[in-house]
N, C-alpha and C. Protein backbone atom coordinates (compact mmCIF):
# COMPACT_ATOMS: atom_id res chain seq x y z
N MET A 1 0.38 -1.17 -0.05
CA MET A 1 0.17 -0.22 -0.01
C MET A 1 0.89 1.57 0.17
N SER A 2 1.82 1.20 0.41
CA SER A 2 2.88 2.41 0.73
C SER A 2 4.26 1.99 1.18
N GLY A 3 4.79 2.76 0.99
CA GLY A 3 6.74 2.30 1.23
C GLY A 3 6.86 2.45 2.83
N LEU A 4 5.93 3.20 3.48
CA LEU A 4 5.63 3.03 5.03
C LEU A 4 6.11 1.52 6.16
N SER A 5 4.93 0.75 5.11
CA SER A 5 4.83 -0.55 5.89
C SER A 5 6.21 -1.49 5.83
N ASP A 6 7.41 -0.74 4.73
CA ASP A 6 8.44 -1.41 4.69
C ASP A 6 9.90 -0.53 5.45
N ARG A 7 9.62 0.21 5.91
CA ARG A 7 10.26 0.74 7.18
C ARG A 7 10.08 0.29 8.80
N ARG A 8 10.95 0.48 9.33
CA ARG A 8 11.22 0.36 10.61
C ARG A 8 10.83 1.48 11.82
N CYS A 9 10.31 1.11 13.00
CA CYS A 9 9.94 2.21 13.97
C CYS A 9 11.57 2.83 14.57
N ARG A 10 11.56 3.96 14.88
CA ARG A 10 12.95 4.25 15.61
C ARG A 10 12.55 4.52 17.14
N PRO A 11 13.39 4.50 17.65
CA PRO A 11 13.09 4.69 19.72
C PRO A 11 12.59 6.19 19.51
N CYS A 12 11.77 6.69 19.97
CA CYS A 12 11.52 7.93 20.70
C CYS A 12 11.39 8.35 21.83
N GLU A 13 12.21 8.82 22.77
CA GLU A 13 11.89 9.36 24.03
C GLU A 13 11.69 10.67 23.99
N GLY A 14 11.00 11.18 22.83
CA GLY A 14 10.97 12.87 23.56
C GLY A 14 12.31 13.77 22.86
N GLY A 15 11.47 15.23 23.05
CA GLY A 15 12.85 15.88 22.67
C GLY A 15 12.66 16.59 21.20
N VAL A 16 11.64 15.83 20.51
CA VAL A 16 11.06 15.99 19.05
C VAL A 16 10.25 16.79 18.97
N GLU A 17 9.23 17.54 18.46
CA GLU A 17 8.29 18.02 18.40
C GLU A 17 7.13 17.09 17.47
N PRO A 18 5.74 17.10 17.61
CA PRO A 18 5.20 15.76 17.10
C PRO A 18 4.82 16.47 15.60
N LEU A 19 4.70 15.48 14.70
CA LEU A 19 4.14 16.01 13.24
C LEU A 19 3.39 17.23 13.01
N ALA A 20 3.50 18.21 12.14
CA ALA A 20 2.85 19.32 11.73
C ALA A 20 1.16 18.78 11.21
N ARG A 21 0.09 19.28 11.64
CA ARG A 21 -1.30 18.36 10.66
C ARG A 21 -0.85 18.27 9.12
N ALA A 22 -0.08 19.25 8.48
CA ALA A 22 0.02 18.54 7.05
C ALA A 22 0.37 17.67 6.68
N GLU A 23 1.92 17.35 7.50
CA GLU A 23 2.61 15.97 7.37
C GLU A 23 1.76 14.74 7.69
N ALA A 24 0.86 14.97 8.98
CA ALA A 24 0.21 13.92 9.37
C ALA A 24 -0.91 13.40 8.25
N GLU A 25 -1.70 14.55 7.54
CA GLU A 25 -2.67 14.22 6.61
C GLU A 25 -2.07 13.83 5.66
N ARG A 26 -0.66 14.51 5.30
CA ARG A 26 -0.15 13.74 3.71
C ARG A 26 0.33 11.99 4.53
N LEU A 27 0.86 11.52 5.37
CA LEU A 27 1.20 10.30 5.64
C LEU A 27 -0.12 9.64 5.77
N ARG A 28 -1.19 10.21 6.26
CA ARG A 28 -2.12 9.42 6.61
C ARG A 28 -3.16 8.93 5.44
N ALA A 29 -2.72 10.16 4.08
CA ALA A 29 -3.67 9.75 2.73
C ALA A 29 -2.63 8.50 2.00
N SER A 30 -1.90 7.94 2.82
CA SER A 30 -1.12 6.37 2.27
C SER A 30 -1.60 5.41 2.94
N LEU A 31 -2.20 5.49 4.08
CA LEU A 31 -2.70 4.32 4.50
C LEU A 31 -4.11 4.02 3.83
N HIS A 32 -4.96 2.70 4.64
CA HIS A 32 -6.11 2.51 4.20
C HIS A 32 -6.91 4.16 4.45
N GLU A 33 -8.10 3.79 3.80
CA GLU A 33 -8.86 5.28 3.79
C GLU A 33 -9.68 4.81 5.18
N GLY A 34 -9.82 3.73 6.03
CA GLY A 34 -10.26 3.91 7.20
C GLY A 34 -9.43 4.33 8.36
N TRP A 35 -8.19 4.56 8.40
CA TRP A 35 -8.17 5.73 9.45
C TRP A 35 -8.08 6.93 9.62
N GLN A 36 -8.51 7.26 10.57
CA GLN A 36 -8.92 8.89 10.67
C GLN A 36 -7.68 9.53 11.76
N LEU A 37 -7.70 10.99 11.21
CA LEU A 37 -6.61 11.84 11.85
C LEU A 37 -7.80 12.91 12.83
N ALA A 38 -7.13 12.84 14.46
CA ALA A 38 -8.14 13.01 15.23
C ALA A 38 -8.12 15.15 14.74
N SER A 39 -9.11 15.52 15.72
CA SER A 39 -9.60 16.82 15.31
C SER A 39 -7.90 18.06 15.64
N ASP A 40 -7.44 17.57 16.67
CA ASP A 40 -6.53 17.93 16.93
C ASP A 40 -5.21 17.62 16.17
N ALA A 41 -5.34 16.75 15.68
CA ALA A 41 -3.60 16.12 14.91
C ALA A 41 -2.82 15.57 15.51
N ARG A 42 -3.58 14.82 16.47
CA ARG A 42 -2.07 14.13 18.00
C ARG A 42 -2.70 12.43 17.86
N SER A 43 -3.27 11.71 17.06
CA SER A 43 -3.41 11.01 17.01
C SER A 43 -4.28 10.38 15.62
N ILE A 44 -4.36 8.89 15.56
CA ILE A 44 -4.57 8.41 14.10
C ILE A 44 -5.42 7.40 14.69
N ARG A 45 -6.70 6.83 14.29
CA ARG A 45 -7.42 5.84 14.82
C ARG A 45 -8.33 5.22 14.14
N ARG A 46 -8.56 3.74 14.15
CA ARG A 46 -9.36 3.24 12.94
C ARG A 46 -9.86 1.70 13.91
N GLU A 47 -11.12 1.89 13.06
CA GLU A 47 -12.17 0.52 13.84
C GLU A 47 -12.29 -0.81 12.85
N PHE A 48 -12.13 -1.50 13.40
CA PHE A 48 -11.81 -3.18 12.37
C PHE A 48 -13.29 -3.54 12.73
N ALA A 49 -14.43 -4.12 11.78
CA ALA A 49 -14.92 -5.28 12.59
C ALA A 49 -14.97 -6.67 12.14
N PHE A 50 -15.23 -7.72 12.82
CA PHE A 50 -14.77 -8.96 12.62
C PHE A 50 -16.40 -9.90 12.44
N ARG A 51 -16.48 -11.16 12.46
CA ARG A 51 -17.46 -11.71 12.37
C ARG A 51 -18.03 -12.32 13.54
N ASP A 52 -16.58 -12.78 14.53
CA ASP A 52 -16.77 -13.31 16.11
C ASP A 52 -15.41 -12.74 16.58
N PHE A 53 -15.49 -13.41 17.67
CA PHE A 53 -14.61 -13.33 18.81
C PHE A 53 -13.50 -13.87 18.30
N PHE A 54 -13.21 -15.12 17.86
CA PHE A 54 -12.23 -15.87 17.31
C PHE A 54 -11.19 -14.99 16.27
N ARG A 55 -12.25 -14.45 15.61
CA ARG A 55 -11.05 -13.43 14.12
C ARG A 55 -10.78 -12.57 15.15
N THR A 56 -11.63 -11.75 15.80
CA THR A 56 -11.23 -10.71 16.76
C THR A 56 -10.02 -10.95 17.29
N MET A 57 -9.56 -11.54 17.77
CA MET A 57 -8.63 -12.36 18.73
C MET A 57 -7.69 -12.34 18.05
N SER A 58 -7.40 -13.03 16.60
CA SER A 58 -6.80 -13.49 15.50
C SER A 58 -5.96 -12.17 15.35
N PHE A 59 -6.64 -11.48 14.89
CA PHE A 59 -6.47 -10.04 14.42
C PHE A 59 -5.25 -9.34 15.69
N VAL A 60 -6.19 -9.09 16.52
CA VAL A 60 -5.31 -8.46 18.10
C VAL A 60 -3.88 -9.07 17.91
N ASN A 61 -3.92 -10.52 17.94
CA ASN A 61 -2.47 -11.18 18.31
C ASN A 61 -1.66 -11.01 17.19
N ALA A 62 -2.23 -10.58 16.16
CA ALA A 62 -1.29 -10.49 14.60
C ALA A 62 -0.74 -9.07 14.75
N LEU A 63 -1.57 -7.94 15.31
CA LEU A 63 -1.34 -6.63 15.43
C LEU A 63 -0.36 -6.26 17.18
N ALA A 64 -0.43 -7.53 17.92
CA ALA A 64 0.54 -7.35 19.18
C ALA A 64 2.00 -7.76 18.74
N HIS A 65 1.82 -8.78 17.87
CA HIS A 65 3.07 -9.02 17.12
C HIS A 65 3.77 -7.89 16.77
N ILE A 66 3.25 -7.28 15.53
CA ILE A 66 3.70 -6.33 14.81
C ILE A 66 4.31 -4.83 15.94
N ALA A 67 3.07 -4.48 16.85
CA ALA A 67 3.77 -3.98 17.82
C ALA A 67 4.69 -4.22 18.59
N ASN A 68 5.25 -5.25 19.13
CA ASN A 68 6.25 -5.67 20.02
C ASN A 68 7.42 -5.88 19.19
N LEU A 69 7.33 -6.42 17.51
CA LEU A 69 8.74 -5.99 16.94
C LEU A 69 9.10 -4.65 16.87
N GLU A 70 8.22 -3.61 16.50
CA GLU A 70 8.89 -2.23 16.12
C GLU A 70 8.74 -1.16 17.02
N ASP A 71 8.45 -2.14 18.98
CA ASP A 71 8.46 -1.27 19.92
C ASP A 71 7.64 -0.65 20.02
N HIS A 72 6.72 -0.39 19.47
CA HIS A 72 5.61 0.67 19.29
C HIS A 72 4.33 0.54 19.21
N HIS A 73 3.57 0.75 20.36
CA HIS A 73 2.50 0.10 20.86
C HIS A 73 1.14 1.31 20.46
N PRO A 74 0.12 0.99 20.43
CA PRO A 74 -1.07 1.38 20.33
C PRO A 74 -2.20 1.50 21.39
N ASP A 75 -3.11 2.31 21.61
CA ASP A 75 -4.29 1.80 22.40
C ASP A 75 -5.02 1.12 21.73
N LEU A 76 -5.70 -0.15 22.53
CA LEU A 76 -6.62 -0.72 22.07
C LEU A 76 -8.07 -1.19 22.89
N GLU A 77 -9.14 -0.97 21.92
CA GLU A 77 -10.25 -1.28 22.50
C GLU A 77 -10.77 -2.60 21.86
N VAL A 78 -11.19 -3.65 22.62
CA VAL A 78 -11.52 -4.78 21.86
C VAL A 78 -12.77 -5.36 22.96
N GLY A 79 -13.46 -5.62 21.86
CA GLY A 79 -14.82 -6.41 21.96
C GLY A 79 -15.38 -7.68 21.71
N TYR A 80 -16.02 -8.09 21.57
CA TYR A 80 -16.56 -9.57 20.77
C TYR A 80 -16.27 -9.52 18.86
N ASN A 81 -16.52 -8.20 18.29
CA ASN A 81 -16.53 -8.50 17.34
C ASN A 81 -15.85 -7.12 16.53
N TYR A 82 -15.19 -6.56 17.36
CA TYR A 82 -14.66 -5.45 17.06
C TYR A 82 -13.27 -5.23 17.72
N CYS A 83 -12.34 -4.20 17.35
CA CYS A 83 -11.18 -3.82 17.99
C CYS A 83 -11.04 -2.43 17.19
N ARG A 84 -10.81 -1.09 18.18
CA ARG A 84 -10.31 0.20 17.83
C ARG A 84 -8.84 0.04 18.16
N VAL A 85 -8.18 0.98 17.31
CA VAL A 85 -7.07 1.02 17.32
C VAL A 85 -6.74 2.29 17.34
N ARG A 86 -5.42 3.05 18.07
CA ARG A 86 -5.35 4.39 18.08
C ARG A 86 -3.70 4.46 18.48
N PHE A 87 -3.36 5.09 17.29
CA PHE A 87 -1.99 5.60 17.67
C PHE A 87 -1.47 6.95 17.95
N THR A 88 -0.61 7.09 18.70
CA THR A 88 -0.51 8.46 19.06
C THR A 88 0.96 7.70 19.88
N THR A 89 2.27 8.90 19.19
CA THR A 89 3.10 8.73 20.26
C THR A 89 3.80 9.64 21.62
N HIS A 90 3.50 8.61 22.49
CA HIS A 90 3.09 9.48 24.11
C HIS A 90 4.20 10.12 24.61
N ALA A 91 5.28 9.76 24.32
CA ALA A 91 6.63 10.49 24.61
C ALA A 91 6.61 12.20 23.99
N ILE A 92 6.32 12.25 23.08
CA ILE A 92 6.13 13.37 22.46
C ILE A 92 4.46 14.32 22.51
N ARG A 93 3.63 13.22 22.74
CA ARG A 93 1.93 13.74 22.98
C ARG A 93 1.40 14.61 21.62
N GLY A 94 2.23 13.57 20.75
CA GLY A 94 1.26 13.39 19.24
C GLY A 94 1.83 12.73 18.54
N LEU A 95 1.77 12.87 17.06
CA LEU A 95 1.78 11.94 15.67
C LEU A 95 3.68 11.94 15.68
N SER A 96 3.88 10.33 15.65
CA SER A 96 5.55 10.34 14.92
C SER A 96 5.51 9.91 13.67
N GLU A 97 6.18 9.97 12.76
CA GLU A 97 6.22 8.71 11.88
C GLU A 97 6.02 6.97 12.19
N ASN A 98 6.59 6.64 13.51
CA ASN A 98 6.13 5.61 13.96
C ASN A 98 4.81 5.32 13.97
N ASP A 99 3.89 6.07 14.54
CA ASP A 99 2.58 5.90 14.01
C ASP A 99 2.16 5.45 12.69
N PHE A 100 2.51 6.19 11.97
CA PHE A 100 2.29 5.66 10.20
C PHE A 100 2.46 4.84 9.98
N ILE A 101 4.40 4.27 10.18
CA ILE A 101 4.59 2.69 9.95
C ILE A 101 4.01 1.87 10.58
N CYS A 102 3.31 2.00 11.79
CA CYS A 102 2.59 0.69 12.22
C CYS A 102 1.52 0.61 11.78
N ALA A 103 0.89 2.03 11.49
CA ALA A 103 -0.55 1.63 10.93
C ALA A 103 -0.57 0.83 9.59
N ALA A 104 0.65 1.20 8.61
CA ALA A 104 0.36 0.92 7.38
C ALA A 104 0.99 -0.98 7.54
N LYS A 105 1.73 -1.29 8.53
CA LYS A 105 1.70 -3.03 8.46
C LYS A 105 0.76 -3.38 9.25
N ILE A 106 -0.13 -3.08 10.00
CA ILE A 106 -1.35 -3.45 10.43
C ILE A 106 -2.53 -3.37 9.08
N ASP A 107 -2.34 -2.87 8.02
CA ASP A 107 -3.22 -2.61 6.88
C ASP A 107 -2.94 -4.18 6.24
N LEU A 108 -2.07 -4.43 6.43
CA LEU A 108 -1.81 -5.71 6.03
C LEU A 108 -2.17 -7.22 6.52
N ILE A 109 -2.92 -6.80 7.65
CA ILE A 109 -3.05 -7.97 8.27
C ILE A 109 -4.21 -8.65 7.39
N PRO A 110 -4.49 -9.99 6.94
CA PRO A 110 -5.60 -10.44 6.55
C PRO A 110 -6.66 -10.29 7.66
N LEU A 111 -7.82 -9.62 6.70
CA LEU A 111 -9.31 -9.28 8.04
C LEU A 111 -10.01 -10.67 7.51
N ALA A 112 -9.60 -12.03 6.78
CA ALA A 112 -10.93 -12.98 6.74
C ALA A 112 -11.46 -13.27 7.94
């Protein structure tokens, strides 16, 4: 879908500015259309729907694997047949390229 999924997250311990809205919008445009930029441009989120609990949890486990490999972890809301994913870089209280890299990798998880 984009070159973002081929990249790796880099550690972010703070000390840098979050992405400006224009850059966040540019990067968001390279993701699946389901990703939404928050009104304050400090996070992105997407909701995934599934047929049943097993498929939901399979997706969550695949997502967790990606998050651990990248050492960049989203906030999740999980229920029987849904998962809401929200990325922000907590150390800078806003978006970094890492959020978009992980979102692009999550876009590659099969949703069957």
